[in-house]
Amino acid sequence: MKVPRLALAAFVFLALPQACALMHAHAAEGATPASIAVWTVPKGVRAGEEFWVQTRIVPSVTLQDARVSLEASPADFRVIGPASFELGTITPPEVPPPSKPPALPFSYVNAFHLVALHSGTFEFGVQLTSSSEQMSVKQHIEVAP
């Protein structure tokens, strides 16, 4: 069965925001060189169980030597695998020509694999750095027993 593009776009715009929070990264000059969405999979995190922190980055300017990193307390979380990813040069999505319908912007998606060591409310950060910019987003997470 073929899914119509409009139905798919409606799902992305209506369902995905329920599972993640869109945050604009804060840069030193107050500008917003990228928007970053951060969410966990599964949404409900339990102590002692593995989960993923996923990020979606949509740059608004070209960022050279870009890198995304997870900042999490080793007393609260164990990172399985890399805690950072080299993205190289990332560029803003191209605007479609007026003759085409609007499309979802191209984005850079990464996932960090973690284990919550105990229950409680914790904060972790996602940092996006480049040769000219440094941005970060803080996220609170509730870990169930």
Foldseek 3Di string as FASTA:
>chain_A
DDDDPVVVVCCCVPVVCVFWPKAFWAWPVRDGQKIKIWGKVPNAAAAQDKIKIKMKIAGPAKFAQKKKFKFFDPVFKDWDDDRMDGDGIDGHFDADPPVDDGDDTDIDMDMTMMHTNHFDKGKMKMWMDGPVIITMDIDIDGYHD
